[in-house]
Amino acid sequence: MIDTWVQNNVININWQQLGANVLNLILYIVVILVIARVVYGLFIYLARRMLIERKGKQLINERKANTLFSLLRSMAFYLVTFTAILHTLKQLFKFDTGTLLASASVLGVAIGFGSQSLVKDIIGGFFILFEDQFSVGEYIQTGQFSGVVEETGIRATHLRDWGGELHIIPNGSIAAVTNFSRGKMRALVDIQIPYNEDFDRAIKVMHSVCEIVGTEFGDKIIDAPTVQGVIQFGERNAVLRVIAYTQPNEQWSLERELRRQIHSAFLKEGIRTPHQTIFIEDPVKRSDKDKV
């Protein structure tokens, strides 16, 4: 009986025809993958040329163009991948594509109830784009995460933190966004001065530094640095404040430069700050301690 089954199912097989069919199937799959790769690459090339590398009239700014390109790239990847898989399955199992799509639609309705978070993420991505909440290259904070937006996809947003960490946040979970890259940004520097220093002289030195730094930063500054004066009295020191308004993402570099130059100017003028105050022990008390 076994010999009969082997003869009917193994020996009588047309191995040449089977090898040709397998080879044709492999070639078909390879061609589908190559075509999918070419179509995806062509779409990315055209989208990049139209949105990012465009010459002449600027219809949208660079950050919005990068955001739209990121979203379109994500959508194109899913669409091309689904189409390639569909044609591959059709060739493997010889079924009608229309039947598969009809079955997929029914299955999709069933799965949809269990994948509400995915639908929420996709809808959230479109609202982020159309409401222009943030763009690629901007520094934002959402929830406990903050960083520069590297990519806004159809499902998730990628944030690169200052420490280099990459946060991948589902679009549906982005409820509130703080955007640090829109409009003018405030630079604020507080300087502590001991009470035994001349406040007027310190303010005069800070005014000079503000003029120098304002000239050096040029068009990065919207409102030049100004000294507000004494804004607080602490336990041992008073606080002098400098404020300025800059272009987006330039406030931190301006604050660092103001601190550096004010510190250098104070050293040059002999104005002490708290960390420069030196406490000298009374020699009489010190000799008493040595005796003990």
C-alpha atoms as a PDB file:
ATOM      1  CA  MET A   1       0.000   0.000   0.000  1.00  0.00           C
ATOM      2  CA  ILE A   2       2.821   2.321   0.871  1.00  0.00           C
ATOM      3  CA  ASP A   3       4.542   1.396  -2.398  1.00  0.00           C
ATOM      4  CA  THR A   4       1.403   2.347  -4.310  1.00  0.00           C
ATOM      5  CA  TRP A   5       1.171   5.741  -2.533  1.00  0.00           C
ATOM      6  CA  VAL A   6       4.839   6.455  -3.230  1.00  0.00           C
ATOM      7  CA  GLN A   7       4.411   5.495  -6.880  1.00  0.00           C
ATOM      8  CA  ASN A   8       1.321   7.695  -7.301  1.00  0.00           C
ATOM      9  CA  ASN A   9       2.567  10.701  -5.346  1.00  0.00           C
ATOM     10  CA  VAL A  10       6.350  10.737  -5.705  1.00  0.00           C
ATOM     11  CA  ILE A  11       7.555   8.667  -8.625  1.00  0.00           C
ATOM     12  CA  ASN A  12       4.949   9.935 -11.066  1.00  0.00           C
ATOM     13  CA  ILE A  13       5.607  13.594 -10.229  1.00  0.00           C
ATOM     14  CA  ASN A  14       6.888  15.663 -13.126  1.00  0.00           C
ATOM     15  CA  TRP A  15       9.921  17.061 -11.338  1.00  0.00           C
ATOM     16  CA  GLN A  16      10.920  19.164 -14.309  1.00  0.00           C
ATOM     17  CA  GLN A  17       7.542  20.873 -14.394  1.00  0.00           C
ATOM     18  CA  LEU A  18       7.576  21.289 -10.610  1.00  0.00           C
ATOM     19  CA  GLY A  19      11.033  22.875 -10.732  1.00  0.00           C
ATOM     20  CA  ALA A  20       9.904  25.249 -13.479  1.00  0.00           C
ATOM     21  CA  ASN A  21       6.823  26.252 -11.452  1.00  0.00           C
ATOM     22  CA  VAL A  22       8.906  26.879  -8.315  1.00  0.00           C
ATOM     23  CA  LEU A  23      11.426  28.902 -10.320  1.00  0.00           C
ATOM     24  CA  ASN A  24       8.634  30.948 -11.917  1.00  0.00           C
ATOM     25  CA  LEU A  25       7.117  31.583  -8.488  1.00  0.00           C
ATOM     26  CA  ILE A  26      10.430  32.730  -7.056  1.00  0.00           C
ATOM     27  CA  LEU A  27      11.053  35.005 -10.032  1.00  0.00           C
ATOM     28  CA  TYR A  28       7.536  36.435  -9.709  1.00  0.00           C
ATOM     29  CA  ILE A  29       8.060  37.219  -6.030  1.00  0.00           C
ATOM     30  CA  VAL A  30      11.458  38.789  -6.763  1.00  0.00           C
ATOM     31  CA  VAL A  31       9.948  40.930  -9.524  1.00  0.00           C
ATOM     32  CA  ILE A  32       7.124  42.039  -7.195  1.00  0.00           C
ATOM     33  CA  LEU A  33       9.630  43.021  -4.498  1.00  0.00           C
ATOM     34  CA  VAL A  34      11.807  44.893  -6.994  1.00  0.00           C
ATOM     35  CA  ILE A  35       8.817  46.753  -8.442  1.00  0.00           C
ATOM     36  CA  ALA A  36       7.595  47.614  -4.934  1.00  0.00           C
ATOM     37  CA  ARG A  37      11.034  48.936  -4.017  1.00  0.00           C
ATOM     38  CA  VAL A  38      11.264  50.998  -7.216  1.00  0.00           C
ATOM     39  CA  VAL A  39       7.767  52.446  -6.779  1.00  0.00           C
ATOM     40  CA  TYR A  40       8.469  53.334  -3.141  1.00  0.00           C
ATOM     41  CA  GLY A  41      11.832  54.883  -4.034  1.00  0.00           C
ATOM     42  CA  LEU A  42      10.301  56.867  -6.893  1.00  0.00           C
ATOM     43  CA  PHE A  43       7.537  58.171  -4.646  1.00  0.00           C
ATOM     44  CA  ILE A  44      10.056  59.228  -1.988  1.00  0.00           C
ATOM     45  CA  TYR A  45      12.214  60.919  -4.646  1.00  0.00           C
ATOM     46  CA  LEU A  46       9.282  62.892  -6.089  1.00  0.00           C
ATOM     47  CA  ALA A  47       7.964  63.819  -2.637  1.00  0.00           C
ATOM     48  CA  ARG A  48      11.404  64.996  -1.557  1.00  0.00           C
ATOM     49  CA  ARG A  49      11.834  67.081  -4.706  1.00  0.00           C
ATOM     50  CA  MET A  50       8.404  68.688  -4.358  1.00  0.00           C
ATOM     51  CA  LEU A  51       8.481  69.347  -0.620  1.00  0.00           C
ATOM     52  CA  ILE A  52      12.089  69.635   0.546  1.00  0.00           C
ATOM     53  CA  GLU A  53      14.451  70.237  -2.377  1.00  0.00           C
ATOM     54  CA  ARG A  54      12.091  72.506  -4.282  1.00  0.00           C
ATOM     55  CA  LYS A  55      13.516  75.563  -5.994  1.00  0.00           C
ATOM     56  CA  GLY A  56      11.784  78.874  -6.410  1.00  0.00           C
ATOM     57  CA  LYS A  57       8.514  79.768  -4.710  1.00  0.00           C
ATOM     58  CA  GLN A  58       8.078  78.441  -1.189  1.00  0.00           C
ATOM     59  CA  LEU A  59       4.489  77.289  -0.661  1.00  0.00           C
ATOM     60  CA  ILE A  60       5.114  76.013   2.883  1.00  0.00           C
ATOM     61  CA  ASN A  61       8.014  76.512   5.250  1.00  0.00           C
ATOM     62  CA  GLU A  62      10.795  73.981   5.675  1.00  0.00           C
ATOM     63  CA  ARG A  63       9.585  72.424   8.926  1.00  0.00           C
ATOM     64  CA  LYS A  64       6.048  71.893   7.647  1.00  0.00           C
ATOM     65  CA  ALA A  65       7.476  70.381   4.464  1.00  0.00           C
ATOM     66  CA  ASN A  66       9.598  67.959   6.501  1.00  0.00           C
ATOM     67  CA  THR A  67       6.581  66.971   8.596  1.00  0.00           C
ATOM     68  CA  LEU A  68       4.382  66.369   5.546  1.00  0.00           C
ATOM     69  CA  PHE A  69       7.172  64.396   3.861  1.00  0.00           C
ATOM     70  CA  SER A  70       7.588  62.222   6.959  1.00  0.00           C
ATOM     71  CA  LEU A  71       3.862  61.442   7.058  1.00  0.00           C
ATOM     72  CA  LEU A  72       3.630  60.713   3.324  1.00  0.00           C
ATOM     73  CA  ARG A  73       6.660  58.430   3.519  1.00  0.00           C
ATOM     74  CA  SER A  74       5.024  56.450   6.323  1.00  0.00           C
ATOM     75  CA  MET A  75       1.754  56.125   4.376  1.00  0.00           C
ATOM     76  CA  ALA A  76       3.563  55.104   1.179  1.00  0.00           C
ATOM     77  CA  PHE A  77       5.511  52.392   3.002  1.00  0.00           C
ATOM     78  CA  TYR A  78       2.354  50.766   4.380  1.00  0.00           C
ATOM     79  CA  LEU A  79       0.499  51.052   1.048  1.00  0.00           C
ATOM     80  CA  VAL A  80       3.315  49.604  -1.076  1.00  0.00           C
ATOM     81  CA  THR A  81       3.983  46.819   1.436  1.00  0.00           C
ATOM     82  CA  PHE A  82       0.298  45.816   1.555  1.00  0.00           C
ATOM     83  CA  THR A  83       0.035  45.798  -2.238  1.00  0.00           C
ATOM     84  CA  ALA A  84       3.180  43.658  -2.633  1.00  0.00           C
ATOM     85  CA  ILE A  85       1.965  41.147  -0.043  1.00  0.00           C
ATOM     86  CA  LEU A  86      -1.456  41.010  -1.726  1.00  0.00           C
ATOM     87  CA  HIS A  87       0.001  40.165  -5.156  1.00  0.00           C
ATOM     88  CA  THR A  88       2.393  37.623  -3.650  1.00  0.00           C
ATOM     89  CA  LEU A  89      -0.421  35.794  -1.854  1.00  0.00           C
ATOM     90  CA  LYS A  90      -2.514  35.870  -5.020  1.00  0.00           C
ATOM     91  CA  GLN A  91       0.265  34.140  -6.962  1.00  0.00           C
ATOM     92  CA  LEU A  92       0.930  31.608  -4.207  1.00  0.00           C
ATOM     93  CA  PHE A  93      -2.638  30.504  -3.532  1.00  0.00           C
ATOM     94  CA  LYS A  94      -4.330  31.378  -6.867  1.00  0.00           C
ATOM     95  CA  PHE A  95      -7.337  33.214  -5.430  1.00  0.00           C
ATOM     96  CA  ASP A  96      -9.345  36.192  -6.622  1.00  0.00           C
ATOM     97  CA  THR A  97      -8.116  39.533  -5.294  1.00  0.00           C
ATOM     98  CA  GLY A  98     -11.653  40.862  -5.033  1.00  0.00           C
ATOM     99  CA  THR A  99     -12.638  37.967  -2.778  1.00  0.00           C
ATOM    100  CA  LEU A 100      -9.631  38.657  -0.559  1.00  0.00           C
ATOM    101  CA  LEU A 101     -10.472  42.346  -0.293  1.00  0.00           C
ATOM    102  CA  ALA A 102     -14.088  41.542   0.581  1.00  0.00           C
ATOM    103  CA  SER A 103     -12.947  39.077   3.228  1.00  0.00           C
ATOM    104  CA  ALA A 104     -10.387  41.570   4.506  1.00  0.00           C
ATOM    105  CA  SER A 105     -13.071  44.242   4.855  1.00  0.00           C
ATOM    106  CA  VAL A 106     -15.257  41.927   6.948  1.00  0.00           C
ATOM    107  CA  LEU A 107     -12.246  40.825   8.976  1.00  0.00           C
ATOM    108  CA  GLY A 108     -11.198  44.439   9.349  1.00  0.00           C
ATOM    109  CA  VAL A 109     -14.530  45.358  10.908  1.00  0.00           C
ATOM    110  CA  ALA A 110     -14.141  42.524  13.388  1.00  0.00           C
ATOM    111  CA  ILE A 111     -10.564  43.413  14.205  1.00  0.00           C
ATOM    112  CA  GLY A 112     -11.397  47.116  14.363  1.00  0.00           C
ATOM    113  CA  PHE A 113     -13.168  46.673  17.685  1.00  0.00           C
ATOM    114  CA  GLY A 114      -9.983  45.225  19.136  1.00  0.00           C
ATOM    115  CA  SER A 115      -7.618  47.738  17.557  1.00  0.00           C
ATOM    116  CA  GLN A 116      -9.195  51.014  18.580  1.00  0.00           C
ATOM    117  CA  SER A 117      -5.843  52.311  19.806  1.00  0.00           C
ATOM    118  CA  LEU A 118      -4.356  51.903  16.316  1.00  0.00           C
ATOM    119  CA  VAL A 119      -7.251  53.814  14.745  1.00  0.00           C
ATOM    120  CA  LYS A 120      -6.876  56.458  17.448  1.00  0.00           C
ATOM    121  CA  ASP A 121      -3.169  56.813  16.644  1.00  0.00           C
ATOM    122  CA  ILE A 122      -3.837  57.243  12.908  1.00  0.00           C
ATOM    123  CA  ILE A 123      -6.583  59.825  13.452  1.00  0.00           C
ATOM    124  CA  GLY A 124      -4.360  61.632  15.966  1.00  0.00           C
ATOM    125  CA  GLY A 125      -1.568  61.798  13.378  1.00  0.00           C
ATOM    126  CA  PHE A 126      -3.837  63.481  10.842  1.00  0.00           C
ATOM    127  CA  PHE A 127      -5.055  66.022  13.413  1.00  0.00           C
ATOM    128  CA  ILE A 128      -1.452  66.819  14.389  1.00  0.00           C
ATOM    129  CA  LEU A 129      -0.662  67.507  10.740  1.00  0.00           C
ATOM    130  CA  PHE A 130      -3.746  69.516   9.811  1.00  0.00           C
ATOM    131  CA  GLU A 131      -3.813  71.542  13.036  1.00  0.00           C
ATOM    132  CA  ASP A 132      -0.071  72.173  12.680  1.00  0.00           C
ATOM    133  CA  GLN A 133       0.579  71.405  16.344  1.00  0.00           C
ATOM    134  CA  PHE A 134       4.294  70.853  15.709  1.00  0.00           C
ATOM    135  CA  SER A 135       6.682  70.164  12.857  1.00  0.00           C
ATOM    136  CA  VAL A 136       9.833  68.139  12.261  1.00  0.00           C
ATOM    137  CA  GLY A 137      12.835  69.937  13.757  1.00  0.00           C
ATOM    138  CA  GLU A 138      10.887  71.705  16.520  1.00  0.00           C
ATOM    139  CA  TYR A 139      11.511  71.225  20.230  1.00  0.00           C
ATOM    140  CA  ILE A 140       8.362  70.151  22.093  1.00  0.00           C
ATOM    141  CA  GLN A 141       7.205  68.606  25.338  1.00  0.00           C
ATOM    142  CA  THR A 142       4.288  66.205  25.644  1.00  0.00           C
ATOM    143  CA  GLY A 143       3.540  64.501  28.928  1.00  0.00           C
ATOM    144  CA  GLN A 144       6.783  63.376  30.546  1.00  0.00           C
ATOM    145  CA  PHE A 145       8.723  63.410  27.268  1.00  0.00           C
ATOM    146  CA  SER A 146      10.503  66.291  25.564  1.00  0.00           C
ATOM    147  CA  GLY A 147      12.870  66.601  22.622  1.00  0.00           C
ATOM    148  CA  VAL A 148      13.315  67.551  18.988  1.00  0.00           C
ATOM    149  CA  VAL A 149      10.755  66.067  16.594  1.00  0.00           C
ATOM    150  CA  GLU A 150      12.623  63.755  14.209  1.00  0.00           C
ATOM    151  CA  GLU A 151       9.660  62.128  12.500  1.00  0.00           C
ATOM    152  CA  THR A 152       5.883  62.333  12.487  1.00  0.00           C
ATOM    153  CA  GLY A 153       4.493  59.081  11.118  1.00  0.00           C
ATOM    154  CA  ILE A 154       0.984  57.872  10.481  1.00  0.00           C
ATOM    155  CA  ARG A 155       1.011  56.025  13.824  1.00  0.00           C
ATOM    156  CA  ALA A 156       3.734  57.493  16.051  1.00  0.00           C
ATOM    157  CA  THR A 157       5.916  60.554  16.605  1.00  0.00           C
ATOM    158  CA  HIS A 158       9.665  60.258  17.250  1.00  0.00           C
ATOM    159  CA  LEU A 159      11.296  62.652  19.750  1.00  0.00           C
ATOM    160  CA  ARG A 160      15.064  62.890  20.247  1.00  0.00           C
ATOM    161  CA  ASP A 161      15.885  64.021  23.799  1.00  0.00           C
ATOM    162  CA  TRP A 162      18.904  66.131  24.764  1.00  0.00           C
ATOM    163  CA  GLY A 163      20.561  63.007  26.159  1.00  0.00           C
ATOM    164  CA  GLY A 164      20.226  61.252  22.809  1.00  0.00           C
ATOM    165  CA  GLU A 165      17.309  59.017  23.838  1.00  0.00           C
ATOM    166  CA  LEU A 166      14.705  58.394  21.147  1.00  0.00           C
ATOM    167  CA  HIS A 167      11.121  58.511  22.430  1.00  0.00           C
ATOM    168  CA  ILE A 168       8.529  56.846  20.183  1.00  0.00           C
ATOM    169  CA  ILE A 169       5.121  58.180  21.214  1.00  0.00           C
ATOM    170  CA  PRO A 170       1.823  56.910  19.753  1.00  0.00           C
ATOM    171  CA  ASN A 171      -0.061  59.828  18.213  1.00  0.00           C
ATOM    172  CA  GLY A 172      -3.239  58.874  20.042  1.00  0.00           C
ATOM    173  CA  SER A 173      -1.572  59.421  23.433  1.00  0.00           C
ATOM    174  CA  ILE A 174      -0.471  62.980  22.623  1.00  0.00           C
ATOM    175  CA  ALA A 175      -3.086  64.946  24.560  1.00  0.00           C
ATOM    176  CA  ALA A 176      -1.253  68.209  25.256  1.00  0.00           C
ATOM    177  CA  VAL A 177       1.806  69.701  23.558  1.00  0.00           C
ATOM    178  CA  THR A 178       4.118  72.506  24.658  1.00  0.00           C
ATOM    179  CA  ASN A 179       5.962  73.881  21.630  1.00  0.00           C
ATOM    180  CA  PHE A 180       9.202  75.725  22.392  1.00  0.00           C
ATOM    181  CA  SER A 181       9.848  76.628  18.754  1.00  0.00           C
ATOM    182  CA  ARG A 182       6.973  78.946  17.897  1.00  0.00           C
ATOM    183  CA  GLY A 183       7.148  82.709  18.237  1.00  0.00           C
ATOM    184  CA  LYS A 184       9.713  84.610  20.259  1.00  0.00           C
ATOM    185  CA  MET A 185      11.351  82.795  23.152  1.00  0.00           C
ATOM    186  CA  ARG A 186      12.356  84.387  26.456  1.00  0.00           C
ATOM    187  CA  ALA A 187      15.925  84.190  27.723  1.00  0.00           C
ATOM    188  CA  LEU A 188      16.165  84.774  31.476  1.00  0.00           C
ATOM    189  CA  VAL A 189      19.320  85.068  33.585  1.00  0.00           C
ATOM    190  CA  ASP A 190      19.331  85.646  37.354  1.00  0.00           C
ATOM    191  CA  ILE A 191      22.556  86.778  39.001  1.00  0.00           C
ATOM    192  CA  GLN A 192      23.032  86.699  42.785  1.00  0.00           C
ATOM    193  CA  ILE A 193      24.946  89.594  44.345  1.00  0.00           C
ATOM    194  CA  PRO A 194      26.053  89.793  48.022  1.00  0.00           C
ATOM    195  CA  TYR A 195      24.514  92.659  50.012  1.00  0.00           C
ATOM    196  CA  ASN A 196      27.908  94.241  50.659  1.00  0.00           C
ATOM    197  CA  GLU A 197      28.427  94.875  46.915  1.00  0.00           C
ATOM    198  CA  ASP A 198      27.452  98.071  45.092  1.00  0.00           C
ATOM    199  CA  PHE A 199      24.244  97.202  43.230  1.00  0.00           C
ATOM    200  CA  ASP A 200      24.393 100.263  40.984  1.00  0.00           C
ATOM    201  CA  ARG A 201      27.902  99.379  39.822  1.00  0.00           C
ATOM    202  CA  ALA A 202      26.905  95.753  39.188  1.00  0.00           C
ATOM    203  CA  ILE A 203      23.859  96.843  37.170  1.00  0.00           C
ATOM    204  CA  LYS A 204      26.022  99.225  35.140  1.00  0.00           C
ATOM    205  CA  VAL A 205      28.447  96.389  34.298  1.00  0.00           C
ATOM    206  CA  MET A 206      25.533  94.117  33.336  1.00  0.00           C
ATOM    207  CA  HIS A 207      24.139  96.818  31.039  1.00  0.00           C
ATOM    208  CA  SER A 208      27.482  96.958  29.227  1.00  0.00           C
ATOM    209  CA  VAL A 209      27.531  93.181  28.837  1.00  0.00           C
ATOM    210  CA  CYS A 210      23.966  93.218  27.485  1.00  0.00           C
ATOM    211  CA  GLU A 211      24.941  95.721  24.784  1.00  0.00           C
ATOM    212  CA  ILE A 212      27.932  93.617  23.717  1.00  0.00           C
ATOM    213  CA  VAL A 213      26.024  90.316  23.653  1.00  0.00           C
ATOM    214  CA  GLY A 214      23.080  91.936  21.851  1.00  0.00           C
ATOM    215  CA  THR A 215      25.429  93.065  19.072  1.00  0.00           C
ATOM    216  CA  GLU A 216      27.151  89.673  18.832  1.00  0.00           C
ATOM    217  CA  PHE A 217      23.916  87.687  18.491  1.00  0.00           C
ATOM    218  CA  GLY A 218      22.537  90.006  15.808  1.00  0.00           C
ATOM    219  CA  ASP A 219      19.418  88.717  14.066  1.00  0.00           C
ATOM    220  CA  LYS A 220      19.008  85.862  16.555  1.00  0.00           C
ATOM    221  CA  ILE A 221      17.636  88.404  19.042  1.00  0.00           C
ATOM    222  CA  ILE A 222      14.153  89.898  18.718  1.00  0.00           C
ATOM    223  CA  ASP A 223      14.247  92.086  21.863  1.00  0.00           C
ATOM    224  CA  ALA A 224      17.740  92.993  23.088  1.00  0.00           C
ATOM    225  CA  PRO A 225      18.874  91.931  26.598  1.00  0.00           C
ATOM    226  CA  THR A 226      17.910  94.386  29.330  1.00  0.00           C
ATOM    227  CA  VAL A 227      18.639  94.513  33.054  1.00  0.00           C
ATOM    228  CA  GLN A 228      15.433  94.600  35.085  1.00  0.00           C
ATOM    229  CA  GLY A 229      17.304  95.377  38.283  1.00  0.00           C
ATOM    230  CA  VAL A 230      16.845  93.824  41.713  1.00  0.00           C
ATOM    231  CA  ILE A 231      13.920  91.408  41.581  1.00  0.00           C
ATOM    232  CA  GLN A 232      14.387  89.525  44.860  1.00  0.00           C
ATOM    233  CA  PHE A 233      16.063  89.738  48.259  1.00  0.00           C
ATOM    234  CA  GLY A 234      17.329  86.420  49.561  1.00  0.00           C
ATOM    235  CA  GLU A 235      18.744  85.416  52.907  1.00  0.00           C
ATOM    236  CA  ARG A 236      22.278  86.507  52.049  1.00  0.00           C
ATOM    237  CA  ASN A 237      22.115  87.811  48.472  1.00  0.00           C
ATOM    238  CA  ALA A 238      20.024  89.954  46.195  1.00  0.00           C
ATOM    239  CA  VAL A 239      19.007  88.737  42.730  1.00  0.00           C
ATOM    240  CA  LEU A 240      19.530  90.837  39.595  1.00  0.00           C
ATOM    241  CA  ARG A 241      17.665  89.731  36.467  1.00  0.00           C
ATOM    242  CA  VAL A 242      18.367  90.055  32.741  1.00  0.00           C
ATOM    243  CA  ILE A 243      15.729  89.185  30.130  1.00  0.00           C
ATOM    244  CA  ALA A 244      15.710  89.080  26.336  1.00  0.00           C
ATOM    245  CA  TYR A 245      13.592  87.577  23.547  1.00  0.00           C
ATOM    246  CA  THR A 246      15.127  85.502  20.791  1.00  0.00           C
ATOM    247  CA  GLN A 247      14.286  83.476  17.734  1.00  0.00           C
ATOM    248  CA  PRO A 248      13.034  79.912  18.484  1.00  0.00           C
ATOM    249  CA  ASN A 249      15.634  77.593  20.054  1.00  0.00           C
ATOM    250  CA  GLU A 250      18.166  80.415  20.503  1.00  0.00           C
ATOM    251  CA  GLN A 251      17.216  81.343  24.076  1.00  0.00           C
ATOM    252  CA  TRP A 252      19.433  78.764  25.747  1.00  0.00           C
ATOM    253  CA  SER A 253      22.604  79.753  23.906  1.00  0.00           C
ATOM    254  CA  LEU A 254      21.919  83.418  24.716  1.00  0.00           C
ATOM    255  CA  GLU A 255      21.459  82.615  28.411  1.00  0.00           C
ATOM    256  CA  ARG A 256      24.771  80.719  28.488  1.00  0.00           C
ATOM    257  CA  GLU A 257      26.602  83.580  26.786  1.00  0.00           C
ATOM    258  CA  LEU A 258      25.125  86.188  29.136  1.00  0.00           C
ATOM    259  CA  ARG A 259      26.185  84.201  32.198  1.00  0.00           C
ATOM    260  CA  ARG A 260      29.688  83.702  30.834  1.00  0.00           C
ATOM    261  CA  GLN A 261      30.274  87.333  29.938  1.00  0.00           C
ATOM    262  CA  ILE A 262      28.688  88.728  33.115  1.00  0.00           C
ATOM    263  CA  HIS A 263      30.906  86.447  35.187  1.00  0.00           C
ATOM    264  CA  SER A 264      34.009  87.575  33.287  1.00  0.00           C
ATOM    265  CA  ALA A 265      33.032  91.245  33.599  1.00  0.00           C
ATOM    266  CA  PHE A 266      32.430  90.904  37.344  1.00  0.00           C
ATOM    267  CA  LEU A 267      35.856  89.306  37.819  1.00  0.00           C
ATOM    268  CA  LYS A 268      37.456  92.131  35.870  1.00  0.00           C
ATOM    269  CA  GLU A 269      35.653  94.806  37.892  1.00  0.00           C
ATOM    270  CA  GLY A 270      36.224  93.078  41.218  1.00  0.00           C
ATOM    271  CA  ILE A 271      32.522  92.448  41.852  1.00  0.00           C
ATOM    272  CA  ARG A 272      32.010  89.322  43.913  1.00  0.00           C
ATOM    273  CA  THR A 273      29.272  86.771  43.443  1.00  0.00           C
ATOM    274  CA  PRO A 274      28.299  84.319  46.232  1.00  0.00           C
ATOM    275  CA  HIS A 275      30.569  81.496  45.068  1.00  0.00           C
ATOM    276  CA  GLN A 276      33.510  83.931  45.071  1.00  0.00           C
ATOM    277  CA  THR A 277      32.979  85.016  48.683  1.00  0.00           C
ATOM    278  CA  ILE A 278      35.827  83.771  50.899  1.00  0.00           C
ATOM    279  CA  PHE A 279      35.206  83.251  54.611  1.00  0.00           C
ATOM    280  CA  ILE A 280      38.344  83.774  56.722  1.00  0.00           C
ATOM    281  CA  GLU A 281      38.386  82.232  60.180  1.00  0.00           C
ATOM    282  CA  ASP A 282      39.266  84.420  63.140  1.00  0.00           C
ATOM    283  CA  PRO A 283      42.958  83.743  64.079  1.00  0.00           C
ATOM    284  CA  VAL A 284      42.153  83.999  67.806  1.00  0.00           C
ATOM    285  CA  LYS A 285      39.433  81.336  67.576  1.00  0.00           C
ATOM    286  CA  ARG A 286      41.704  79.154  65.470  1.00  0.00           C
ATOM    287  CA  SER A 287      44.518  79.323  68.081  1.00  0.00           C
ATOM    288  CA  ASP A 288      42.011  78.381  70.787  1.00  0.00           C
ATOM    289  CA  LYS A 289      40.998  75.329  68.775  1.00  0.00           C
ATOM    290  CA  ASP A 290      44.638  74.311  68.352  1.00  0.00           C
ATOM    291  CA  LYS A 291      45.121  74.422  72.121  1.00  0.00           C
ATOM    292  CA  VAL A 292      42.205  72.123  72.649  1.00  0.00           C
END
